Amino acid sequence: MKKLFKIIYYIILSYIIFIGIILVVSLIPVTGNIKTLAVLSGSMEPTIHTGSVVIVKPESSYKVGDIITFGDNTKTDIPTTHRIAEERAVEGNMIYRTKGDANNAEDSAETPQKEVTGRVLFSIPYLGYIINFIKKPIGLMLIIIVPAAVVIYDEMRKIRNEVKKIKSEKNKFTTEKLSDENT
C-alpha cells in the first residue's frame, strides 16, 4: 500500500511539473516561441483527437500537408487547426487553403500566412480537456488542492513516523536507565 501511494505520488508530481513546464514555456513572450492550444473539435480526427493539446511552433514557411493552427485566439474566437491542402502566392504573400482530415470539403475561407500561428509539432491526446477544466475556478482549485493534499499527507506521515521513532528511543533510554538503577 505504501509503495503504491509513493508511485501515485511521483506520477502526479511528474504530471504537474510536465504541464507546468509546457504552460510556462508557451506563455513566455518570445518571438518564434512554441504555443500550447487545445483542440475542441473533431475535424482533425483521427490524426488529432478531440480534446488534445497541440504544440505549435511558428515557422518562416509552410507546405502542403503541414498541419497548421491559424486564426485569432481570444475569449470569443478559437483558432483552427487544419492541414494545408493547397498553397499559392499572391503578390509575394502565401495563401493557404486548408482542410480538416475528418471534413469532406476544404475550408471555405483561405488563410494568409500572416494569420498562421504555427505548424503543429505534436499533440497530446485528451490533455486539452484537463487544461480547459483547469481554466475554470473549480478546476484550478482541484489542481492545486489535490496535489497539495497529497504532499501534505505525505509530509505529515513522515513527521508522525519521526515522532514515533523519537518517542520509542526516549522510552528505550528511560527503560534502560531504570534497569541500570535497579541493578
Protein backbone atom coordinates (compact mmCIF):
# COMPACT_ATOMS: atom_id res chain seq x y z
CA MET A 1 0.00 0.00 0.00
CA LYS A 2 2.82 2.37 0.93
CA LYS A 3 4.69 1.61 -2.29
CA LEU A 4 1.55 2.16 -4.39
CA PHE A 5 0.96 5.53 -2.70
CA LYS A 6 4.55 6.55 -3.41
CA ILE A 7 4.24 5.58 -7.09
CA ILE A 8 0.99 7.56 -7.44
CA TYR A 9 2.59 10.49 -5.62
CA TYR A 10 5.52 10.64 -8.06
CA ILE A 11 3.27 10.18 -11.10
CA ILE A 12 1.06 13.11 -10.00
CA LEU A 13 4.09 15.24 -9.20
CA SER A 14 5.73 14.47 -12.57
CA TYR A 15 2.50 15.18 -14.41
CA ILE A 16 2.07 18.56 -12.72
CA ILE A 17 5.67 19.53 -13.42
CA PHE A 18 5.30 18.49 -17.09
CA ILE A 19 2.10 20.52 -17.56
CA GLY A 20 3.63 23.46 -15.72
CA ILE A 21 6.72 23.48 -17.94
CA ILE A 22 4.67 23.33 -21.14
CA LEU A 23 2.35 26.12 -19.99
CA VAL A 24 5.15 28.37 -18.72
CA VAL A 25 7.25 27.92 -21.86
CA SER A 26 4.25 28.72 -24.07
CA LEU A 27 3.48 31.92 -22.10
CA ILE A 28 6.97 33.40 -22.37
CA PRO A 29 6.65 36.26 -24.88
CA VAL A 30 9.47 35.29 -27.22
CA THR A 31 9.13 35.68 -30.98
CA GLY A 32 9.02 32.24 -32.54
CA ASN A 33 8.18 30.58 -29.24
CA ILE A 34 6.05 27.44 -29.05
CA LYS A 35 2.39 27.70 -28.10
CA THR A 36 0.08 25.17 -26.50
CA LEU A 37 -3.52 25.17 -27.67
CA ALA A 38 -6.48 22.90 -27.03
CA VAL A 39 -8.31 21.26 -29.95
CA LEU A 40 -12.01 21.27 -29.19
CA SER A 41 -13.49 19.77 -32.36
CA GLY A 42 -13.15 16.50 -34.21
CA SER A 43 -12.27 17.99 -37.59
CA MET A 44 -8.74 16.53 -37.48
CA GLU A 45 -9.72 13.02 -36.30
CA PRO A 46 -8.01 10.54 -36.25
CA THR A 47 -4.73 12.47 -36.60
CA ILE A 48 -5.53 14.82 -33.71
CA HIS A 49 -8.23 13.70 -31.29
CA THR A 50 -10.89 16.00 -29.86
CA GLY A 51 -9.65 17.36 -26.53
CA SER A 52 -5.98 17.09 -27.45
CA VAL A 53 -3.40 19.78 -26.84
CA VAL A 54 -1.29 20.74 -29.83
CA ILE A 55 2.22 22.10 -29.51
CA VAL A 56 2.60 24.73 -32.23
CA LYS A 57 5.77 26.48 -33.42
CA PRO A 58 5.86 29.40 -35.86
CA GLU A 59 7.93 28.83 -38.99
CA SER A 60 9.02 31.02 -41.88
CA SER A 61 7.24 28.87 -44.48
CA TYR A 62 4.70 26.07 -44.67
CA LYS A 63 3.96 23.44 -47.33
CA VAL A 64 1.07 21.30 -48.48
CA GLY A 65 0.50 18.53 -45.96
CA ASP A 66 1.61 20.54 -42.91
CA ILE A 67 -0.87 20.77 -40.07
CA ILE A 68 -1.13 24.42 -39.05
CA THR A 69 -3.01 26.45 -36.47
CA PHE A 70 -4.43 29.75 -37.65
CA GLY A 71 -6.89 32.46 -36.68
CA ASP A 72 -7.45 34.61 -33.61
CA ASN A 73 -7.06 33.22 -30.12
CA THR A 74 -9.30 35.33 -27.88
CA LYS A 75 -12.09 34.66 -25.39
CA THR A 76 -14.62 34.72 -28.23
CA ASP A 77 -12.51 33.40 -31.13
CA ILE A 78 -10.88 29.98 -31.15
CA PRO A 79 -8.03 29.23 -33.57
CA THR A 80 -8.41 26.42 -36.08
CA THR A 81 -6.00 23.53 -36.60
CA HIS A 82 -6.21 22.01 -40.09
CA ARG A 83 -3.96 20.53 -42.77
CA ILE A 84 -2.77 22.63 -45.74
CA ALA A 85 -4.46 21.24 -48.86
CA GLU A 86 -3.30 23.90 -51.37
CA GLU A 87 -0.96 26.86 -51.41
CA ARG A 88 -0.48 29.76 -53.77
CA ALA A 89 1.41 33.03 -53.82
CA VAL A 90 -0.43 36.33 -54.32
CA GLU A 91 1.83 39.36 -54.72
CA GLY A 92 4.62 37.57 -52.85
CA ASN A 93 2.37 36.53 -49.92
CA MET A 94 1.47 32.89 -49.38
CA ILE A 95 -2.21 31.98 -49.17
CA TYR A 96 -3.29 28.57 -47.90
CA ARG A 97 -6.41 26.52 -48.47
CA THR A 98 -6.90 24.18 -45.51
CA LYS A 99 -9.00 21.14 -44.71
CA GLY A 100 -9.70 19.13 -41.59
CA ASP A 101 -8.79 15.46 -42.05
CA ALA A 102 -12.33 14.41 -40.99
CA ASN A 103 -14.07 17.04 -43.17
CA ASN A 104 -15.48 16.24 -46.62
CA ALA A 105 -14.52 19.57 -48.17
CA GLU A 106 -11.81 22.19 -47.88
CA ASP A 107 -12.44 25.24 -45.68
CA SER A 108 -14.37 27.97 -47.49
CA ALA A 109 -12.01 30.76 -46.44
CA GLU A 110 -8.38 30.99 -47.49
CA THR A 111 -5.74 31.72 -44.87
CA PRO A 112 -2.94 34.21 -45.46
CA GLN A 113 0.42 33.24 -43.94
CA LYS A 114 0.30 36.25 -41.56
CA GLU A 115 -2.71 34.61 -39.80
CA VAL A 116 -0.88 31.32 -39.22
CA THR A 117 0.14 30.80 -35.59
CA GLY A 118 2.46 27.95 -36.49
CA ARG A 119 2.94 24.33 -37.53
CA VAL A 120 1.80 21.57 -35.20
CA LEU A 121 4.85 19.75 -33.86
CA PHE A 122 2.89 17.11 -31.94
CA SER A 123 -0.30 16.62 -29.98
CA ILE A 124 -1.06 15.17 -26.57
CA PRO A 125 -4.43 13.37 -26.57
CA TYR A 126 -7.11 14.43 -24.05
CA LEU A 127 -4.87 16.92 -22.21
CA GLY A 128 -6.98 19.76 -23.66
CA TYR A 129 -9.97 18.65 -21.59
CA ILE A 130 -7.84 18.93 -18.46
CA ILE A 131 -6.44 22.34 -19.41
CA ASN A 132 -9.91 23.70 -20.18
CA PHE A 133 -11.13 22.32 -16.85
CA ILE A 134 -8.19 23.96 -15.04
CA LYS A 135 -9.14 27.32 -16.55
CA LYS A 136 -12.39 27.17 -14.55
CA PRO A 137 -12.30 28.16 -10.85
CA ILE A 138 -13.26 24.68 -9.59
CA GLY A 139 -10.65 23.07 -11.82
CA LEU A 140 -7.93 25.43 -10.66
CA MET A 141 -8.82 24.73 -7.03
CA LEU A 142 -8.75 20.97 -7.61
CA ILE A 143 -5.45 21.04 -9.47
CA ILE A 144 -3.94 22.94 -6.53
CA ILE A 145 -5.79 21.33 -3.60
CA VAL A 146 -5.49 17.65 -4.58
CA PRO A 147 -1.72 17.63 -5.19
CA ALA A 148 -1.19 19.87 -2.15
CA ALA A 149 -3.24 17.43 -0.03
CA VAL A 150 -1.13 14.51 -1.27
CA VAL A 151 2.10 16.36 -0.44
CA ILE A 152 0.79 17.49 2.98
CA TYR A 153 -0.40 13.96 3.81
CA ASP A 154 2.98 12.52 2.87
CA GLU A 155 4.85 15.11 4.95
CA MET A 156 2.54 14.58 7.97
CA ARG A 157 3.09 10.81 7.69
CA LYS A 158 6.86 11.38 7.72
CA ILE A 159 6.60 13.70 10.76
CA ARG A 160 4.37 11.18 12.61
CA ASN A 161 6.85 8.39 11.92
CA GLU A 162 9.72 10.57 13.12
CA VAL A 163 7.83 11.46 16.34
CA LYS A 164 7.11 7.76 16.96
CA LYS A 165 10.78 6.97 16.41
CA ILE A 166 11.87 9.67 18.88
CA LYS A 167 9.33 8.51 21.50
CA SER A 168 10.45 4.92 21.04
CA GLU A 169 14.09 5.90 21.53
CA LYS A 170 13.16 8.00 24.59
CA ASN A 171 11.19 5.11 26.12
CA LYS A 172 14.07 2.74 25.38
CA PHE A 173 16.51 5.14 27.04
CA THR A 174 14.22 5.58 30.09
CA THR A 175 13.74 1.80 30.42
CA GLU A 176 17.49 1.20 30.21
CA LYS A 177 18.16 3.91 32.81
CA LEU A 178 15.60 2.42 35.23
CA SER A 179 17.05 -1.03 34.62
CA ASP A 180 20.57 0.25 35.40
CA GLU A 181 19.38 1.95 38.62
CA ASN A 182 17.72 -1.25 39.87
CA THR A 183 20.85 -3.30 39.47
